[in-house]
Amino acid sequence: MWIKIATVLVLIIIVSSLFSALFFLMKDKRGNDRTVKALTVRIGLSITLFAALIIAAYFGLIGHSL
């Protein structure tokens, strides 16, 4: 159960990082790198979540539910 909660929390953080990058893209007129940093965080979290889900499936922590 804790894996589902952690997955949902990480997905919420990923989406919030995406929207913060959009906000920085629209508001920053000076060309700051906050947009790039927000998108880098999003990509890093996405890759980490994907790897964690693969590892959890390998060790049997998550499985098929029909």
PDB file of N, CA and C in Angstrom:
ATOM      1  N   MET A   1       0.815  -1.198   0.000  1.00  0.00           N
ATOM      2  CA  MET A   1       0.000   0.000   0.000  1.00  0.00           C
ATOM      3  C   MET A   1       0.857   1.260   0.000  1.00  0.00           C
ATOM      4  N   TRP A   2       1.998   1.184   0.703  1.00  0.00           N
ATOM      5  CA  TRP A   2       2.844   2.376   0.778  1.00  0.00           C
ATOM      6  C   TRP A   2       3.469   2.712  -0.569  1.00  0.00           C
ATOM      7  N   ILE A   3       3.624   1.709  -1.431  1.00  0.00           N
ATOM      8  CA  ILE A   3       4.182   1.976  -2.762  1.00  0.00           C
ATOM      9  C   ILE A   3       3.193   2.784  -3.598  1.00  0.00           C
ATOM     10  N   LYS A   4       1.911   2.489  -3.461  1.00  0.00           N
ATOM     11  CA  LYS A   4       0.899   3.252  -4.188  1.00  0.00           C
ATOM     12  C   LYS A   4       0.866   4.700  -3.731  1.00  0.00           C
ATOM     13  N   ILE A   5       0.952   4.900  -2.422  1.00  0.00           N
ATOM     14  CA  ILE A   5       0.947   6.264  -1.883  1.00  0.00           C
ATOM     15  C   ILE A   5       2.183   7.030  -2.336  1.00  0.00           C
ATOM     16  N   ALA A   6       3.344   6.378  -2.275  1.00  0.00           N
ATOM     17  CA  ALA A   6       4.583   7.027  -2.707  1.00  0.00           C
ATOM     18  C   ALA A   6       4.541   7.354  -4.200  1.00  0.00           C
ATOM     19  N   THR A   7       3.981   6.453  -4.994  1.00  0.00           N
ATOM     20  CA  THR A   7       3.877   6.691  -6.435  1.00  0.00           C
ATOM     21  C   THR A   7       2.984   7.888  -6.730  1.00  0.00           C
ATOM     22  N   VAL A   8       1.862   7.960  -6.059  1.00  0.00           N
ATOM     23  CA  VAL A   8       0.950   9.093  -6.273  1.00  0.00           C
ATOM     24  C   VAL A   8       1.596  10.394  -5.829  1.00  0.00           C
ATOM     25  N   LEU A   9       2.295  10.385  -4.703  1.00  0.00           N
ATOM     26  CA  LEU A   9       2.967  11.602  -4.235  1.00  0.00           C
ATOM     27  C   LEU A   9       4.047  12.067  -5.221  1.00  0.00           C
ATOM     28  N   VAL A  10       4.822  11.126  -5.739  1.00  0.00           N
ATOM     29  CA  VAL A  10       5.860  11.492  -6.709  1.00  0.00           C
ATOM     30  C   VAL A  10       5.223  12.008  -7.997  1.00  0.00           C
ATOM     31  N   LEU A  11       4.125  11.411  -8.428  1.00  0.00           N
ATOM     32  CA  LEU A  11       3.438  11.907  -9.624  1.00  0.00           C
ATOM     33  C   LEU A  11       2.911  13.326  -9.417  1.00  0.00           C
ATOM     34  N   ILE A  12       2.411  13.620  -8.222  1.00  0.00           N
ATOM     35  CA  ILE A  12       1.950  14.980  -7.928  1.00  0.00           C
ATOM     36  C   ILE A  12       3.119  15.962  -7.961  1.00  0.00           C
ATOM     37  N   ILE A  13       4.260  15.558  -7.425  1.00  0.00           N
ATOM     38  CA  ILE A  13       5.446  16.417  -7.466  1.00  0.00           C
ATOM     39  C   ILE A  13       5.909  16.624  -8.900  1.00  0.00           C
ATOM     40  N   ILE A  14       5.850  15.592  -9.728  1.00  0.00           N
ATOM     41  CA  ILE A  14       6.247  15.702 -11.134  1.00  0.00           C
ATOM     42  C   ILE A  14       5.342  16.692 -11.863  1.00  0.00           C
ATOM     43  N   VAL A  15       4.043  16.590 -11.657  1.00  0.00           N
ATOM     44  CA  VAL A  15       3.101  17.497 -12.321  1.00  0.00           C
ATOM     45  C   VAL A  15       3.285  18.929 -11.823  1.00  0.00           C
ATOM     46  N   SER A  16       3.524  19.096 -10.517  1.00  0.00           N
ATOM     47  CA  SER A  16       3.743  20.450 -10.010  1.00  0.00           C
ATOM     48  C   SER A  16       5.039  21.049 -10.560  1.00  0.00           C
ATOM     49  N   SER A  17       6.050  20.230 -10.748  1.00  0.00           N
ATOM     50  CA  SER A  17       7.292  20.710 -11.350  1.00  0.00           C
ATOM     51  C   SER A  17       7.066  21.123 -12.800  1.00  0.00           C
ATOM     52  N   LEU A  18       6.230  20.382 -13.502  1.00  0.00           N
ATOM     53  CA  LEU A  18       5.906  20.736 -14.883  1.00  0.00           C
ATOM     54  C   LEU A  18       5.179  22.079 -14.953  1.00  0.00           C
ATOM     55  N   PHE A  19       4.213  22.289 -14.052  1.00  0.00           N
ATOM     56  CA  PHE A  19       3.484  23.547 -14.052  1.00  0.00           C
ATOM     57  C   PHE A  19       4.343  24.711 -13.567  1.00  0.00           C
ATOM     58  N   SER A  20       5.281  24.451 -12.660  1.00  0.00           N
ATOM     59  CA  SER A  20       6.181  25.533 -12.254  1.00  0.00           C
ATOM     60  C   SER A  20       7.098  25.923 -13.407  1.00  0.00           C
ATOM     61  N   ALA A  21       7.513  24.945 -14.210  1.00  0.00           N
ATOM     62  CA  ALA A  21       8.320  25.270 -15.391  1.00  0.00           C
ATOM     63  C   ALA A  21       7.517  26.114 -16.376  1.00  0.00           C
ATOM     64  N   LEU A  22       6.246  25.788 -16.545  1.00  0.00           N
ATOM     65  CA  LEU A  22       5.388  26.590 -17.410  1.00  0.00           C
ATOM     66  C   LEU A  22       5.245  28.005 -16.875  1.00  0.00           C
ATOM     67  N   PHE A  23       5.064  28.138 -15.568  1.00  0.00           N
ATOM     68  CA  PHE A  23       4.947  29.454 -14.944  1.00  0.00           C
ATOM     69  C   PHE A  23       6.228  30.264 -15.146  1.00  0.00           C
ATOM     70  N   PHE A  24       7.377  29.634 -14.903  1.00  0.00           N
ATOM     71  CA  PHE A  24       8.652  30.341 -15.089  1.00  0.00           C
ATOM     72  C   PHE A  24       8.866  30.717 -16.551  1.00  0.00           C
ATOM     73  N   LEU A  25       8.422  29.876 -17.459  1.00  0.00           N
ATOM     74  CA  LEU A  25       8.561  30.168 -18.880  1.00  0.00           C
ATOM     75  C   LEU A  25       7.739  31.393 -19.270  1.00  0.00           C
ATOM     76  N   MET A  26       6.553  31.505 -18.686  1.00  0.00           N
ATOM     77  CA  MET A  26       5.670  32.624 -19.022  1.00  0.00           C
ATOM     78  C   MET A  26       6.081  33.923 -18.323  1.00  0.00           C
ATOM     79  N   LYS A  27       6.611  33.843 -17.103  1.00  0.00           N
ATOM     80  CA  LYS A  27       6.862  35.044 -16.306  1.00  0.00           C
ATOM     81  C   LYS A  27       8.281  35.570 -16.408  1.00  0.00           C
ATOM     82  N   ASP A  28       9.261  34.698 -16.579  1.00  0.00           N
ATOM     83  CA  ASP A  28      10.656  35.159 -16.621  1.00  0.00           C
ATOM     84  C   ASP A  28      10.966  35.753 -17.976  1.00  0.00           C
ATOM     85  N   LYS A  29      11.222  37.038 -17.998  1.00  0.00           N
ATOM     86  CA  LYS A  29      11.551  37.713 -19.253  1.00  0.00           C
ATOM     87  C   LYS A  29      13.061  37.894 -19.420  1.00  0.00           C
ATOM     88  N   ARG A  30      13.823  37.701 -18.334  1.00  0.00           N
ATOM     89  CA  ARG A  30      15.261  37.944 -18.393  1.00  0.00           C
ATOM     90  C   ARG A  30      16.045  36.739 -18.890  1.00  0.00           C
ATOM     91  N   GLY A  31      15.411  35.625 -19.058  1.00  0.00           N
ATOM     92  CA  GLY A  31      16.117  34.437 -19.529  1.00  0.00           C
ATOM     93  C   GLY A  31      16.788  33.661 -18.417  1.00  0.00           C
ATOM     94  N   ASN A  32      16.209  33.677 -17.220  1.00  0.00           N
ATOM     95  CA  ASN A  32      16.766  32.884 -16.122  1.00  0.00           C
ATOM     96  C   ASN A  32      16.642  31.400 -16.436  1.00  0.00           C
ATOM     97  N   ASP A  33      17.409  30.610 -15.731  1.00  0.00           N
ATOM     98  CA  ASP A  33      17.410  29.179 -15.995  1.00  0.00           C
ATOM     99  C   ASP A  33      16.491  28.404 -15.055  1.00  0.00           C
ATOM    100  N   ARG A  34      15.525  29.066 -14.453  1.00  0.00           N
ATOM    101  CA  ARG A  34      14.603  28.372 -13.550  1.00  0.00           C
ATOM    102  C   ARG A  34      13.729  27.381 -14.307  1.00  0.00           C
ATOM    103  N   THR A  35      13.391  27.695 -15.551  1.00  0.00           N
ATOM    104  CA  THR A  35      12.589  26.764 -16.354  1.00  0.00           C
ATOM    105  C   THR A  35      13.368  25.474 -16.604  1.00  0.00           C
ATOM    106  N   VAL A  36      14.621  25.613 -16.943  1.00  0.00           N
ATOM    107  CA  VAL A  36      15.456  24.440 -17.211  1.00  0.00           C
ATOM    108  C   VAL A  36      15.634  23.606 -15.948  1.00  0.00           C
ATOM    109  N   LYS A  37      15.813  24.265 -14.808  1.00  0.00           N
ATOM    110  CA  LYS A  37      15.969  23.536 -13.550  1.00  0.00           C
ATOM    111  C   LYS A  37      14.696  22.776 -13.195  1.00  0.00           C
ATOM    112  N   ALA A  38      13.536  23.407 -13.393  1.00  0.00           N
ATOM    113  CA  ALA A  38      12.270  22.739 -13.083  1.00  0.00           C
ATOM    114  C   ALA A  38      12.052  21.535 -13.993  1.00  0.00           C
ATOM    115  N   LEU A  39      12.386  21.672 -15.265  1.00  0.00           N
ATOM    116  CA  LEU A  39      12.232  20.547 -16.186  1.00  0.00           C
ATOM    117  C   LEU A  39      13.251  19.439 -15.899  1.00  0.00           C
ATOM    118  N   THR A  40      14.444  19.816 -15.446  1.00  0.00           N
ATOM    119  CA  THR A  40      15.448  18.822 -15.068  1.00  0.00           C
ATOM    120  C   THR A  40      14.985  18.026 -13.859  1.00  0.00           C
ATOM    121  N   VAL A  41      14.376  18.702 -12.895  1.00  0.00           N
ATOM    122  CA  VAL A  41      13.826  18.010 -11.726  1.00  0.00           C
ATOM    123  C   VAL A  41      12.730  17.047 -12.163  1.00  0.00           C
ATOM    124  N   ARG A  42      11.881  17.481 -13.075  1.00  0.00           N
ATOM    125  CA  ARG A  42      10.789  16.623 -13.553  1.00  0.00           C
ATOM    126  C   ARG A  42      11.334  15.378 -14.240  1.00  0.00           C
ATOM    127  N   ILE A  43      12.322  15.539 -15.078  1.00  0.00           N
ATOM    128  CA  ILE A  43      12.897  14.394 -15.788  1.00  0.00           C
ATOM    129  C   ILE A  43      13.584  13.445 -14.806  1.00  0.00           C
ATOM    130  N   GLY A  44      14.323  14.003 -13.861  1.00  0.00           N
ATOM    131  CA  GLY A  44      14.990  13.163 -12.867  1.00  0.00           C
ATOM    132  C   GLY A  44      14.009  12.369 -12.027  1.00  0.00           C
ATOM    133  N   LEU A  45      12.929  13.017 -11.600  1.00  0.00           N
ATOM    134  CA  LEU A  45      11.913  12.319 -10.818  1.00  0.00           C
ATOM    135  C   LEU A  45      11.204  11.253 -11.645  1.00  0.00           C
ATOM    136  N   SER A  46      10.953  11.543 -12.913  1.00  0.00           N
ATOM    137  CA  SER A  46      10.289  10.565 -13.772  1.00  0.00           C
ATOM    138  C   SER A  46      11.150   9.322 -13.973  1.00  0.00           C
ATOM    139  N   ILE A  47      12.421   9.520 -14.210  1.00  0.00           N
ATOM    140  CA  ILE A  47      13.334   8.385 -14.399  1.00  0.00           C
ATOM    141  C   ILE A  47      13.472   7.593 -13.105  1.00  0.00           C
ATOM    142  N   THR A  48      13.569   8.288 -11.974  1.00  0.00           N
ATOM    143  CA  THR A  48      13.679   7.620 -10.688  1.00  0.00           C
ATOM    144  C   THR A  48      12.424   6.811 -10.372  1.00  0.00           C
ATOM    145  N   LEU A  49      11.259   7.383 -10.634  1.00  0.00           N
ATOM    146  CA  LEU A  49      10.002   6.668 -10.397  1.00  0.00           C
ATOM    147  C   LEU A  49       9.906   5.432 -11.282  1.00  0.00           C
ATOM    148  N   PHE A  50      10.275   5.564 -12.543  1.00  0.00           N
ATOM    149  CA  PHE A  50      10.233   4.434 -13.471  1.00  0.00           C
ATOM    150  C   PHE A  50      11.150   3.313 -12.990  1.00  0.00           C
ATOM    151  N   ALA A  51      12.368   3.666 -12.594  1.00  0.00           N
ATOM    152  CA  ALA A  51      13.316   2.662 -12.114  1.00  0.00           C
ATOM    153  C   ALA A  51      12.820   2.017 -10.819  1.00  0.00           C
ATOM    154  N   ALA A  52      12.243   2.820  -9.925  1.00  0.00           N
ATOM    155  CA  ALA A  52      11.737   2.279  -8.661  1.00  0.00           C
ATOM    156  C   ALA A  52      10.581   1.316  -8.899  1.00  0.00           C
ATOM    157  N   LEU A  53       9.720   1.620  -9.855  1.00  0.00           N
ATOM    158  CA  LEU A  53       8.608   0.719 -10.153  1.00  0.00           C
ATOM    159  C   LEU A  53       9.091  -0.584 -10.781  1.00  0.00           C
ATOM    160  N   ILE A  54      10.106  -0.500 -11.614  1.00  0.00           N
ATOM    161  CA  ILE A  54      10.675  -1.722 -12.194  1.00  0.00           C
ATOM    162  C   ILE A  54      11.322  -2.582 -11.108  1.00  0.00           C
ATOM    163  N   ILE A  55      12.055  -1.954 -10.205  1.00  0.00           N
ATOM    164  CA  ILE A  55      12.699  -2.691  -9.115  1.00  0.00           C
ATOM    165  C   ILE A  55      11.648  -3.307  -8.189  1.00  0.00           C
ATOM    166  N   ALA A  56      10.594  -2.549  -7.886  1.00  0.00           N
ATOM    167  CA  ALA A  56       9.530  -3.069  -7.021  1.00  0.00           C
ATOM    168  C   ALA A  56       8.822  -4.246  -7.678  1.00  0.00           C
ATOM    169  N   ALA A  57       8.619  -4.192  -8.971  1.00  0.00           N
ATOM    170  CA  ALA A  57       7.992  -5.310  -9.671  1.00  0.00           C
ATOM    171  C   ALA A  57       8.922  -6.527  -9.690  1.00  0.00           C
ATOM    172  N   TYR A  58      10.212  -6.292  -9.840  1.00  0.00           N
ATOM    173  CA  TYR A  58      11.175  -7.392  -9.851  1.00  0.00           C
ATOM    174  C   TYR A  58      11.189  -8.137  -8.522  1.00  0.00           C
ATOM    175  N   PHE A  59      11.129  -7.393  -7.422  1.00  0.00           N
ATOM    176  CA  PHE A  59      11.154  -8.011  -6.103  1.00  0.00           C
ATOM    177  C   PHE A  59       9.781  -8.440  -5.610  1.00  0.00           C
ATOM    178  N   GLY A  60       8.762  -8.252  -6.417  1.00  0.00           N
ATOM    179  CA  GLY A  60       7.435  -8.731  -6.074  1.00  0.00           C
ATOM    180  C   GLY A  60       6.647  -7.827  -5.141  1.00  0.00           C
ATOM    181  N   LEU A  61       7.089  -6.602  -4.982  1.00  0.00           N
ATOM    182  CA  LEU A  61       6.363  -5.670  -4.116  1.00  0.00           C
ATOM    183  C   LEU A  61       5.083  -5.162  -4.762  1.00  0.00           C
ATOM    184  N   ILE A  62       5.081  -5.146  -6.067  1.00  0.00           N
ATOM    185  CA  ILE A  62       3.865  -4.821  -6.815  1.00  0.00           C
ATOM    186  C   ILE A  62       3.647  -5.942  -7.812  1.00  0.00           C
ATOM    187  N   GLY A  63       2.414  -6.130  -8.187  1.00  0.00           N
ATOM    188  CA  GLY A  63       2.123  -7.220  -9.105  1.00  0.00           C
ATOM    189  C   GLY A  63       0.934  -6.910  -9.958  1.00  0.00           C
ATOM    190  N   HIS A  64       0.486  -7.906 -10.651  1.00  0.00           N
ATOM    191  CA  HIS A  64      -0.673  -7.771 -11.514  1.00  0.00           C
ATOM    192  C   HIS A  64      -1.933  -7.833 -10.693  1.00  0.00           C
ATOM    193  N   SER A  65      -2.881  -6.974 -11.022  1.00  0.00           N
ATOM    194  CA  SER A  65      -4.188  -7.055 -10.369  1.00  0.00           C
ATOM    195  C   SER A  65      -5.256  -7.052 -11.448  1.00  0.00           C
ATOM    196  N   LEU A  66      -6.013  -8.095 -11.487  1.00  0.00           N
ATOM    197  CA  LEU A  66      -7.045  -8.234 -12.508  1.00  0.00           C
ATOM    198  C   LEU A  66      -8.411  -7.984 -11.948  1.00  0.00           C
TER     199      LEU A  66
END
